[in-house]
């Protein structure tokens, strides 16, 4: 890879990783620990992620469990899960909280598909913003005489190739998520 594009590629990969994480928070009718791992819990007087106060697992396709490490936090975790408005009904059994995953209604599936489309658009915008930032930096360097118009064009083509590849990946991930949400 062209050393000029190394930083750009790192920024694009970070944007893609963020998009994948965002997409994983959309539930598709089956239990997935990433659905709840970032739910904020008030513990020990501070906001913490759920994954920082317990072990999350999916022992069955329609069930998530949270093994809370400190029994005094069980109520706080249940409250946080209810406030997260995920449509889940937590039930405590000692230090273990069970979260049955109800099947999605057709209406809810449509809402989640729309949400996936919004996240896809946000991902595309983020990638285009990276392209814009990089091009502006190059334009300033070109005006300062660091390189000529031919080099600017060469870099622009390489940059557009990276952007196109990232946008295609976003489209494919989004399409996969949409198919996942459409399955009954």
N, C-alpha and C. Protein backbone atom coordinates (compact mmCIF):
# COMPACT_ATOMS: atom_id res chain seq x y z
N UNK A 1 0.84 -1.19 0.00
CA UNK A 1 0.00 0.00 0.00
C UNK A 1 0.87 1.24 0.00
N UNK A 2 0.43 2.20 -0.72
CA UNK A 2 1.10 3.49 -0.82
C UNK A 2 1.21 4.09 0.59
N UNK A 3 2.42 4.49 1.01
CA UNK A 3 2.57 5.06 2.37
C UNK A 3 1.70 6.30 2.59
N UNK A 4 1.39 7.00 1.52
CA UNK A 4 0.54 8.20 1.61
C UNK A 4 -0.85 7.83 2.12
N UNK A 5 -1.30 6.61 1.78
CA UNK A 5 -2.66 6.20 2.13
C UNK A 5 -2.75 5.35 3.40
N UNK A 6 -1.64 5.12 4.07
CA UNK A 6 -1.66 4.28 5.26
C UNK A 6 -2.57 4.86 6.33
N UNK A 7 -2.42 6.14 6.63
CA UNK A 7 -3.25 6.79 7.64
C UNK A 7 -4.72 6.79 7.21
N UNK A 8 -4.94 7.05 5.92
CA UNK A 8 -6.30 7.06 5.38
C UNK A 8 -6.94 5.69 5.56
N UNK A 9 -6.19 4.65 5.21
CA UNK A 9 -6.71 3.28 5.34
C UNK A 9 -7.04 2.97 6.80
N UNK A 10 -6.20 3.41 7.72
CA UNK A 10 -6.46 3.17 9.14
C UNK A 10 -7.74 3.87 9.57
N UNK A 11 -7.96 5.10 9.11
CA UNK A 11 -9.18 5.82 9.46
C UNK A 11 -10.41 5.14 8.87
N UNK A 12 -10.29 4.66 7.63
CA UNK A 12 -11.41 3.98 6.99
C UNK A 12 -11.71 2.67 7.72
N UNK A 13 -10.68 1.92 8.09
CA UNK A 13 -10.88 0.66 8.82
C UNK A 13 -11.53 0.91 10.18
N UNK A 14 -11.15 2.02 10.83
CA UNK A 14 -11.77 2.36 12.12
C UNK A 14 -13.25 2.69 11.91
N UNK A 15 -13.56 3.40 10.82
CA UNK A 15 -14.95 3.74 10.52
C UNK A 15 -15.75 2.46 10.23
N UNK A 16 -15.15 1.53 9.50
CA UNK A 16 -15.83 0.26 9.20
C UNK A 16 -16.06 -0.54 10.48
N UNK A 17 -15.07 -0.57 11.36
CA UNK A 17 -15.22 -1.28 12.63
C UNK A 17 -16.35 -0.68 13.45
N UNK A 18 -16.44 0.64 13.45
CA UNK A 18 -17.51 1.33 14.17
C UNK A 18 -18.86 0.96 13.56
N UNK A 19 -18.93 0.93 12.23
CA UNK A 19 -20.17 0.58 11.55
C UNK A 19 -20.59 -0.85 11.90
N UNK A 20 -19.63 -1.77 11.88
CA UNK A 20 -19.94 -3.17 12.22
C UNK A 20 -20.47 -3.28 13.65
N UNK A 21 -19.87 -2.52 14.56
CA UNK A 21 -20.31 -2.54 15.95
C UNK A 21 -21.72 -1.99 16.05
N UNK A 22 -22.00 -0.91 15.35
CA UNK A 22 -23.34 -0.31 15.35
C UNK A 22 -24.37 -1.30 14.80
N UNK A 23 -24.01 -1.98 13.73
CA UNK A 23 -24.91 -2.94 13.10
C UNK A 23 -25.20 -4.12 14.03
N UNK A 24 -24.19 -4.50 14.80
CA UNK A 24 -24.37 -5.66 15.70
C UNK A 24 -25.33 -5.37 16.84
N UNK A 25 -25.62 -4.10 17.11
CA UNK A 25 -26.55 -3.77 18.19
C UNK A 25 -28.00 -3.91 17.76
N UNK A 26 -28.24 -4.11 16.47
CA UNK A 26 -29.61 -4.30 15.97
C UNK A 26 -29.94 -5.78 16.10
N UNK A 27 -30.94 -6.09 16.91
CA UNK A 27 -31.23 -7.50 17.14
C UNK A 27 -32.00 -8.11 15.99
N UNK A 28 -31.69 -9.35 15.69
CA UNK A 28 -32.31 -10.01 14.54
C UNK A 28 -33.13 -11.22 14.97
N UNK A 29 -33.66 -11.19 16.18
CA UNK A 29 -34.51 -12.29 16.62
C UNK A 29 -33.78 -13.43 17.28
N UNK A 30 -32.46 -13.40 17.27
CA UNK A 30 -31.74 -14.43 18.01
C UNK A 30 -30.78 -13.78 19.00
N UNK A 31 -30.48 -14.53 20.02
CA UNK A 31 -29.66 -14.02 21.10
C UNK A 31 -28.24 -13.74 20.62
N UNK A 32 -27.75 -12.54 20.90
CA UNK A 32 -26.39 -12.16 20.56
C UNK A 32 -25.88 -11.26 21.68
N UNK A 33 -24.83 -11.65 22.39
CA UNK A 33 -24.33 -10.85 23.52
C UNK A 33 -24.02 -9.39 23.17
N UNK A 34 -23.64 -9.12 21.93
CA UNK A 34 -23.32 -7.73 21.57
C UNK A 34 -24.54 -6.83 21.66
N UNK A 35 -25.71 -7.41 21.67
CA UNK A 35 -26.96 -6.65 21.77
C UNK A 35 -27.01 -5.83 23.06
N UNK A 36 -26.47 -6.38 24.14
CA UNK A 36 -26.60 -5.71 25.44
C UNK A 36 -25.27 -5.33 26.10
N UNK A 37 -24.14 -5.71 25.52
CA UNK A 37 -22.88 -5.51 26.23
C UNK A 37 -22.54 -4.05 26.51
N UNK A 38 -23.06 -3.11 25.73
CA UNK A 38 -22.75 -1.69 25.96
C UNK A 38 -23.85 -0.94 26.70
N UNK A 39 -24.83 -1.66 27.24
CA UNK A 39 -25.89 -1.01 28.02
C UNK A 39 -25.25 -0.35 29.25
N UNK A 40 -25.49 0.95 29.47
CA UNK A 40 -24.88 1.63 30.61
C UNK A 40 -25.56 1.24 31.94
N UNK A 41 -24.74 0.86 32.91
CA UNK A 41 -25.22 0.46 34.23
C UNK A 41 -24.59 1.40 35.25
N UNK A 42 -25.40 1.91 36.18
CA UNK A 42 -24.85 2.72 37.26
C UNK A 42 -24.38 1.76 38.35
N UNK A 43 -23.08 1.67 38.50
CA UNK A 43 -22.48 0.74 39.47
C UNK A 43 -21.38 1.46 40.23
N UNK A 44 -21.40 1.31 41.53
CA UNK A 44 -20.37 1.92 42.38
C UNK A 44 -20.28 3.43 42.17
N UNK A 45 -21.42 4.05 41.88
CA UNK A 45 -21.47 5.50 41.72
C UNK A 45 -20.96 6.01 40.38
N UNK A 46 -20.74 5.10 39.43
CA UNK A 46 -20.25 5.52 38.11
C UNK A 46 -21.00 4.76 37.02
N UNK A 47 -20.97 5.30 35.81
CA UNK A 47 -21.58 4.61 34.66
C UNK A 47 -20.56 3.61 34.11
N UNK A 48 -21.01 2.37 33.98
CA UNK A 48 -20.15 1.32 33.43
C UNK A 48 -20.95 0.58 32.37
N UNK A 49 -20.24 -0.07 31.46
CA UNK A 49 -20.91 -0.91 30.47
C UNK A 49 -21.29 -2.22 31.14
N UNK A 50 -22.37 -2.82 30.67
CA UNK A 50 -22.83 -4.09 31.24
C UNK A 50 -21.74 -5.15 31.20
N UNK A 51 -20.97 -5.17 30.13
CA UNK A 51 -19.91 -6.17 29.98
C UNK A 51 -18.83 -6.00 31.07
N UNK A 52 -18.79 -4.84 31.73
CA UNK A 52 -17.80 -4.58 32.78
C UNK A 52 -18.28 -5.00 34.17
N UNK A 53 -19.56 -5.39 34.29
CA UNK A 53 -20.06 -5.81 35.60
C UNK A 53 -20.52 -7.27 35.64
N UNK A 54 -20.44 -7.95 34.49
CA UNK A 54 -20.87 -9.34 34.47
C UNK A 54 -20.49 -10.03 33.17
N UNK A 55 -20.74 -11.34 33.15
CA UNK A 55 -20.46 -12.15 31.97
C UNK A 55 -21.76 -12.35 31.20
N UNK A 56 -21.73 -12.01 29.92
CA UNK A 56 -22.91 -12.14 29.07
C UNK A 56 -22.73 -13.37 28.19
N UNK A 57 -23.77 -14.19 28.12
CA UNK A 57 -23.69 -15.36 27.25
C UNK A 57 -25.05 -15.64 26.61
N UNK A 58 -25.02 -16.46 25.57
CA UNK A 58 -26.24 -16.85 24.86
C UNK A 58 -26.31 -18.38 24.87
N UNK A 59 -26.82 -18.97 25.96
CA UNK A 59 -26.86 -20.43 26.06
C UNK A 59 -27.85 -21.07 25.08
N UNK A 60 -28.83 -20.31 24.62
CA UNK A 60 -29.82 -20.80 23.66
C UNK A 60 -30.04 -19.71 22.61
N UNK A 61 -30.56 -20.07 21.43
CA UNK A 61 -30.77 -19.06 20.40
C UNK A 61 -31.78 -17.97 20.79
N UNK A 62 -32.63 -18.25 21.78
CA UNK A 62 -33.63 -17.25 22.17
C UNK A 62 -33.46 -16.78 23.62
N UNK A 63 -32.25 -16.92 24.17
CA UNK A 63 -32.02 -16.54 25.56
C UNK A 63 -30.63 -15.94 25.75
N UNK A 64 -30.59 -14.81 26.43
CA UNK A 64 -29.32 -14.23 26.89
C UNK A 64 -29.29 -14.33 28.40
N UNK A 65 -28.10 -14.56 28.94
CA UNK A 65 -27.96 -14.54 30.40
C UNK A 65 -26.82 -13.60 30.76
N UNK A 66 -26.97 -12.97 31.92
CA UNK A 66 -25.93 -12.10 32.46
C UNK A 66 -25.59 -12.63 33.84
N UNK A 67 -24.36 -13.07 34.01
CA UNK A 67 -23.87 -13.53 35.32
C UNK A 67 -23.23 -12.30 35.96
N UNK A 68 -23.94 -11.66 36.88
CA UNK A 68 -23.44 -10.44 37.53
C UNK A 68 -22.40 -10.86 38.57
N UNK A 69 -21.24 -10.20 38.54
CA UNK A 69 -20.16 -10.59 39.43
C UNK A 69 -20.42 -10.18 40.88
N UNK A 70 -21.08 -9.05 41.07
CA UNK A 70 -21.37 -8.57 42.43
C UNK A 70 -22.89 -8.61 42.62
N UNK A 71 -23.34 -9.45 43.55
CA UNK A 71 -24.78 -9.65 43.76
C UNK A 71 -25.50 -8.34 44.10
N UNK A 72 -24.79 -7.38 44.67
CA UNK A 72 -25.42 -6.11 45.03
C UNK A 72 -25.78 -5.28 43.80
N UNK A 73 -25.28 -5.65 42.63
CA UNK A 73 -25.55 -4.89 41.41
C UNK A 73 -26.70 -5.46 40.59
N UNK A 74 -27.28 -6.58 41.00
CA UNK A 74 -28.33 -7.23 40.21
C UNK A 74 -29.48 -6.28 39.93
N UNK A 75 -29.96 -5.57 40.95
CA UNK A 75 -31.07 -4.63 40.74
C UNK A 75 -30.70 -3.53 39.76
N UNK A 76 -29.47 -3.01 39.90
CA UNK A 76 -29.01 -1.94 39.00
C UNK A 76 -28.95 -2.43 37.55
N UNK A 77 -28.50 -3.66 37.36
CA UNK A 77 -28.40 -4.22 36.01
C UNK A 77 -29.80 -4.40 35.42
N UNK A 78 -30.73 -4.92 36.21
CA UNK A 78 -32.11 -5.10 35.73
C UNK A 78 -32.70 -3.75 35.34
N UNK A 79 -32.50 -2.75 36.18
CA UNK A 79 -33.01 -1.40 35.90
C UNK A 79 -32.41 -0.86 34.59
N UNK A 80 -31.11 -1.05 34.41
CA UNK A 80 -30.43 -0.57 33.19
C UNK A 80 -30.96 -1.27 31.95
N UNK A 81 -31.21 -2.57 32.06
CA UNK A 81 -31.74 -3.33 30.92
C UNK A 81 -33.15 -2.88 30.56
N UNK A 82 -33.95 -2.57 31.57
CA UNK A 82 -35.30 -2.09 31.31
C UNK A 82 -35.27 -0.69 30.67
N UNK A 83 -34.37 0.16 31.16
CA UNK A 83 -34.26 1.52 30.63
C UNK A 83 -33.66 1.56 29.23
N UNK A 84 -32.95 0.50 28.84
CA UNK A 84 -32.32 0.46 27.52
C UNK A 84 -33.36 0.34 26.41
N UNK A 85 -34.60 0.01 26.79
CA UNK A 85 -35.72 -0.04 25.85
C UNK A 85 -35.44 -0.96 24.65
N UNK A 86 -34.99 -2.16 24.96
CA UNK A 86 -34.68 -3.14 23.92
C UNK A 86 -35.83 -4.11 23.68
N UNK A 87 -36.89 -3.96 24.44
CA UNK A 87 -38.02 -4.87 24.30
C UNK A 87 -37.76 -6.21 24.97
N UNK A 88 -36.84 -6.22 25.93
CA UNK A 88 -36.51 -7.45 26.64
C UNK A 88 -37.02 -7.34 28.08
N UNK A 89 -37.40 -8.49 28.65
CA UNK A 89 -37.94 -8.51 30.00
C UNK A 89 -37.00 -9.32 30.91
N UNK A 90 -36.10 -8.64 31.64
CA UNK A 90 -35.14 -9.35 32.47
C UNK A 90 -35.78 -10.00 33.70
N UNK A 91 -35.29 -11.18 34.04
CA UNK A 91 -35.75 -11.90 35.24
C UNK A 91 -34.52 -12.39 35.99
N UNK A 92 -34.46 -12.09 37.30
CA UNK A 92 -33.29 -12.46 38.09
C UNK A 92 -33.49 -13.80 38.79
N UNK A 93 -32.42 -14.57 38.81
CA UNK A 93 -32.35 -15.83 39.57
C UNK A 93 -31.01 -15.81 40.29
N UNK A 94 -30.99 -15.21 41.48
CA UNK A 94 -29.73 -15.06 42.20
C UNK A 94 -28.86 -14.04 41.49
N UNK A 95 -27.64 -14.46 41.13
CA UNK A 95 -26.72 -13.56 40.43
C UNK A 95 -26.88 -13.63 38.91
N UNK A 96 -27.76 -14.48 38.44
CA UNK A 96 -27.96 -14.65 37.00
C UNK A 96 -29.25 -13.93 36.57
N UNK A 97 -29.13 -13.15 35.51
CA UNK A 97 -30.29 -12.47 34.95
C UNK A 97 -30.58 -13.11 33.60
N UNK A 98 -31.83 -13.56 33.43
CA UNK A 98 -32.23 -14.19 32.18
C UNK A 98 -32.99 -13.18 31.33
N UNK A 99 -32.68 -13.16 30.04
CA UNK A 99 -33.34 -12.26 29.10
C UNK A 99 -33.86 -13.09 27.92
N UNK A 100 -35.12 -13.54 27.98
CA UNK A 100 -35.67 -14.25 26.82
C UNK A 100 -35.82 -13.28 25.65
N UNK A 101 -35.43 -13.73 24.47
CA UNK A 101 -35.52 -12.90 23.27
C UNK A 101 -36.82 -13.26 22.56
N UNK A 102 -37.81 -12.35 22.57
CA UNK A 102 -39.08 -12.66 21.89
C UNK A 102 -38.90 -12.61 20.37
N UNK A 103 -39.70 -13.37 19.64
CA UNK A 103 -39.61 -13.28 18.18
C UNK A 103 -40.03 -11.90 17.71
N UNK A 104 -39.45 -11.44 16.62
CA UNK A 104 -39.77 -10.12 16.10
C UNK A 104 -41.08 -10.13 15.33
N UNK A 105 -41.87 -9.09 15.53
CA UNK A 105 -43.10 -8.94 14.74
C UNK A 105 -42.69 -8.36 13.38
N UNK A 106 -43.57 -8.47 12.40
CA UNK A 106 -43.28 -7.93 11.07
C UNK A 106 -43.02 -6.43 11.14
N UNK A 107 -43.80 -5.74 11.98
CA UNK A 107 -43.64 -4.30 12.13
C UNK A 107 -42.27 -3.96 12.72
N UNK A 108 -41.88 -4.72 13.74
CA UNK A 108 -40.58 -4.48 14.40
C UNK A 108 -39.42 -4.79 13.44
N UNK A 109 -39.58 -5.83 12.61
CA UNK A 109 -38.57 -6.15 11.61
C UNK A 109 -38.36 -4.96 10.67
N UNK A 110 -39.49 -4.37 10.23
CA UNK A 110 -39.41 -3.21 9.32
C UNK A 110 -38.68 -2.05 10.00
N UNK A 111 -38.98 -1.82 11.29
CA UNK A 111 -38.30 -0.75 12.04
C UNK A 111 -36.79 -1.01 12.07
N UNK A 112 -36.41 -2.27 12.34
CA UNK A 112 -34.99 -2.60 12.42
C UNK A 112 -34.32 -2.50 11.06
N UNK A 113 -35.03 -2.83 9.99
CA UNK A 113 -34.46 -2.69 8.65
C UNK A 113 -34.22 -1.21 8.34
N UNK A 114 -35.17 -0.36 8.73
CA UNK A 114 -34.99 1.09 8.54
C UNK A 114 -33.79 1.58 9.34
N UNK A 115 -33.67 1.09 10.57
CA UNK A 115 -32.54 1.47 11.42
C UNK A 115 -31.23 1.03 10.78
N UNK A 116 -31.20 -0.17 10.22
CA UNK A 116 -30.00 -0.66 9.54
C UNK A 116 -29.65 0.25 8.37
N UNK A 117 -30.66 0.69 7.62
CA UNK A 117 -30.42 1.60 6.50
C UNK A 117 -29.86 2.93 6.97
N UNK A 118 -30.36 3.43 8.11
CA UNK A 118 -29.83 4.67 8.67
C UNK A 118 -28.36 4.51 9.05
N UNK A 119 -28.05 3.39 9.67
CA UNK A 119 -26.66 3.14 10.09
C UNK A 119 -25.75 2.99 8.86
N UNK A 120 -26.28 2.39 7.79
CA UNK A 120 -25.51 2.28 6.55
C UNK A 120 -25.21 3.67 6.00
N UNK A 121 -26.21 4.53 5.99
CA UNK A 121 -26.00 5.89 5.47
C UNK A 121 -24.99 6.64 6.33
N UNK A 122 -25.08 6.48 7.65
CA UNK A 122 -24.11 7.12 8.54
C UNK A 122 -22.69 6.62 8.24
N UNK A 123 -22.57 5.33 7.98
CA UNK A 123 -21.26 4.76 7.65
C UNK A 123 -20.72 5.33 6.35
N UNK A 124 -21.59 5.43 5.32
CA UNK A 124 -21.16 5.99 4.04
C UNK A 124 -20.75 7.46 4.20
N UNK A 125 -21.51 8.21 4.98
CA UNK A 125 -21.19 9.62 5.21
C UNK A 125 -19.84 9.75 5.92
N UNK A 126 -19.59 8.88 6.89
CA UNK A 126 -18.32 8.92 7.61
C UNK A 126 -17.15 8.64 6.67
N UNK A 127 -17.31 7.67 5.79
CA UNK A 127 -16.26 7.35 4.81
C UNK A 127 -16.03 8.53 3.87
N UNK A 128 -17.11 9.13 3.39
CA UNK A 128 -16.97 10.28 2.49
C UNK A 128 -16.32 11.48 3.19
N UNK A 129 -16.61 11.63 4.48
CA UNK A 129 -16.01 12.72 5.25
C UNK A 129 -14.50 12.52 5.37
N UNK A 130 -14.09 11.27 5.57
CA UNK A 130 -12.65 10.96 5.63
C UNK A 130 -12.01 11.35 4.30
N UNK A 131 -12.67 10.96 3.19
CA UNK A 131 -12.14 11.30 1.86
C UNK A 131 -11.99 12.81 1.72
N UNK A 132 -13.01 13.54 2.13
CA UNK A 132 -12.99 15.01 2.03
C UNK A 132 -11.84 15.59 2.84
N UNK A 133 -11.67 15.13 4.08
CA UNK A 133 -10.59 15.63 4.94
C UNK A 133 -9.22 15.40 4.31
N UNK A 134 -9.01 14.19 3.79
CA UNK A 134 -7.72 13.84 3.20
C UNK A 134 -7.45 14.69 1.95
N UNK A 135 -8.46 14.82 1.10
CA UNK A 135 -8.30 15.62 -0.13
C UNK A 135 -7.98 17.09 0.19
N UNK A 136 -8.64 17.64 1.21
CA UNK A 136 -8.36 19.03 1.59
C UNK A 136 -6.91 19.18 2.05
N UNK A 137 -6.43 18.21 2.82
CA UNK A 137 -5.03 18.23 3.25
C UNK A 137 -4.07 18.17 2.07
N UNK A 138 -4.38 17.32 1.11
CA UNK A 138 -3.55 17.20 -0.09
C UNK A 138 -3.58 18.47 -0.92
N UNK A 139 -4.75 19.10 -1.02
CA UNK A 139 -4.85 20.34 -1.80
C UNK A 139 -3.96 21.43 -1.20
N UNK A 140 -3.93 21.50 0.13
CA UNK A 140 -3.07 22.49 0.80
C UNK A 140 -1.61 22.17 0.52
N UNK A 141 -1.26 20.88 0.59
CA UNK A 141 0.13 20.48 0.32
C UNK A 141 0.50 20.79 -1.13
N UNK A 142 -0.42 20.56 -2.06
CA UNK A 142 -0.15 20.84 -3.47
C UNK A 142 0.05 22.34 -3.68
N UNK A 143 -0.81 23.15 -3.05
CA UNK A 143 -0.67 24.61 -3.17
C UNK A 143 0.65 25.08 -2.57
N UNK A 144 1.11 24.37 -1.53
CA UNK A 144 2.39 24.71 -0.90
C UNK A 144 3.58 24.23 -1.70
N UNK A 145 3.33 23.54 -2.81
CA UNK A 145 4.42 23.11 -3.68
C UNK A 145 5.07 21.80 -3.29
N UNK A 146 4.46 21.02 -2.39
CA UNK A 146 5.07 19.75 -1.97
C UNK A 146 5.03 18.71 -3.08
N UNK A 147 4.00 18.77 -3.93
CA UNK A 147 3.90 17.86 -5.08
C UNK A 147 3.02 18.49 -6.15
N UNK A 148 3.08 17.92 -7.34
CA UNK A 148 2.38 18.50 -8.48
C UNK A 148 0.99 17.94 -8.69
N UNK A 149 0.37 18.40 -9.77
CA UNK A 149 -0.99 18.00 -10.10
C UNK A 149 -1.09 16.51 -10.44
N UNK A 150 -0.06 15.98 -11.12
CA UNK A 150 -0.06 14.56 -11.47
C UNK A 150 -0.09 13.69 -10.22
N UNK A 151 0.73 14.07 -9.24
CA UNK A 151 0.77 13.30 -7.97
C UNK A 151 -0.57 13.42 -7.25
N UNK A 152 -1.17 14.60 -7.28
CA UNK A 152 -2.48 14.79 -6.64
C UNK A 152 -3.51 13.87 -7.29
N UNK A 153 -3.52 13.80 -8.61
CA UNK A 153 -4.46 12.95 -9.33
C UNK A 153 -4.22 11.47 -9.02
N UNK A 154 -2.94 11.08 -8.96
CA UNK A 154 -2.60 9.69 -8.65
C UNK A 154 -3.12 9.32 -7.26
N UNK A 155 -2.88 10.20 -6.30
CA UNK A 155 -3.35 9.97 -4.92
C UNK A 155 -4.88 9.92 -4.87
N UNK A 156 -5.51 10.82 -5.61
CA UNK A 156 -6.97 10.88 -5.62
C UNK A 156 -7.58 9.58 -6.13
N UNK A 157 -6.96 9.00 -7.19
CA UNK A 157 -7.47 7.73 -7.72
C UNK A 157 -7.31 6.62 -6.70
N UNK A 158 -6.17 6.58 -6.03
CA UNK A 158 -5.95 5.55 -5.00
C UNK A 158 -6.94 5.72 -3.85
N UNK A 159 -7.14 6.98 -3.44
CA UNK A 159 -8.08 7.28 -2.36
C UNK A 159 -9.50 6.86 -2.75
N UNK A 160 -9.90 7.16 -3.98
CA UNK A 160 -11.25 6.80 -4.42
C UNK A 160 -11.41 5.28 -4.44
N UNK A 161 -10.35 4.57 -4.78
CA UNK A 161 -10.39 3.10 -4.75
C UNK A 161 -10.66 2.59 -3.35
N UNK A 162 -9.98 3.18 -2.35
CA UNK A 162 -10.21 2.78 -0.96
C UNK A 162 -11.64 3.10 -0.52
N UNK A 163 -12.10 4.28 -0.90
CA UNK A 163 -13.46 4.71 -0.52
C UNK A 163 -14.50 3.78 -1.15
N UNK A 164 -14.33 3.48 -2.44
CA UNK A 164 -15.28 2.59 -3.12
C UNK A 164 -15.31 1.22 -2.47
N UNK A 165 -14.15 0.71 -2.12
CA UNK A 165 -14.05 -0.61 -1.47
C UNK A 165 -14.78 -0.59 -0.12
N UNK A 166 -14.59 0.48 0.65
CA UNK A 166 -15.23 0.59 1.98
C UNK A 166 -16.74 0.71 1.84
N UNK A 167 -17.20 1.50 0.88
CA UNK A 167 -18.64 1.68 0.68
C UNK A 167 -19.27 0.36 0.24
N UNK A 168 -18.57 -0.38 -0.61
CA UNK A 168 -19.07 -1.69 -1.05
C UNK A 168 -19.19 -2.63 0.15
N UNK A 169 -18.20 -2.59 1.03
CA UNK A 169 -18.25 -3.44 2.23
C UNK A 169 -19.44 -3.06 3.12
N UNK A 170 -19.70 -1.77 3.27
CA UNK A 170 -20.85 -1.30 4.04
C UNK A 170 -22.14 -1.82 3.42
N UNK A 171 -22.23 -1.71 2.08
CA UNK A 171 -23.43 -2.19 1.38
C UNK A 171 -23.64 -3.69 1.61
N UNK A 172 -22.56 -4.47 1.50
CA UNK A 172 -22.67 -5.92 1.67
C UNK A 172 -23.07 -6.28 3.10
N UNK A 173 -22.45 -5.63 4.09
CA UNK A 173 -22.80 -5.89 5.48
C UNK A 173 -24.25 -5.52 5.76
N UNK A 174 -24.67 -4.39 5.20
CA UNK A 174 -26.05 -3.95 5.38
C UNK A 174 -27.04 -4.91 4.74
N UNK A 175 -26.70 -5.40 3.56
CA UNK A 175 -27.58 -6.35 2.86
C UNK A 175 -27.68 -7.65 3.66
N UNK A 176 -26.56 -8.10 4.20
CA UNK A 176 -26.56 -9.32 5.03
C UNK A 176 -27.43 -9.12 6.25
N UNK A 177 -27.32 -7.96 6.90
CA UNK A 177 -28.12 -7.67 8.09
C UNK A 177 -29.61 -7.62 7.72
N UNK A 178 -29.92 -7.03 6.58
CA UNK A 178 -31.30 -6.93 6.14
C UNK A 178 -31.89 -8.33 5.88
N UNK A 179 -31.09 -9.20 5.27
CA UNK A 179 -31.56 -10.58 5.03
C UNK A 179 -31.80 -11.29 6.36
N UNK A 180 -30.88 -11.06 7.30
CA UNK A 180 -30.98 -11.66 8.64
C UNK A 180 -32.27 -11.20 9.32
N UNK A 181 -32.57 -9.90 9.19
CA UNK A 181 -33.78 -9.35 9.81
C UNK A 181 -35.05 -9.83 9.12
N UNK A 182 -34.96 -10.12 7.83
CA UNK A 182 -36.14 -10.55 7.07
C UNK A 182 -36.52 -11.99 7.33
N UNK A 183 -35.57 -12.80 7.80
CA UNK A 183 -35.87 -14.21 8.07
C UNK A 183 -36.80 -14.33 9.26
N UNK A 184 -37.79 -15.19 9.11
CA UNK A 184 -38.76 -15.38 10.21
C UNK A 184 -38.33 -16.55 11.05
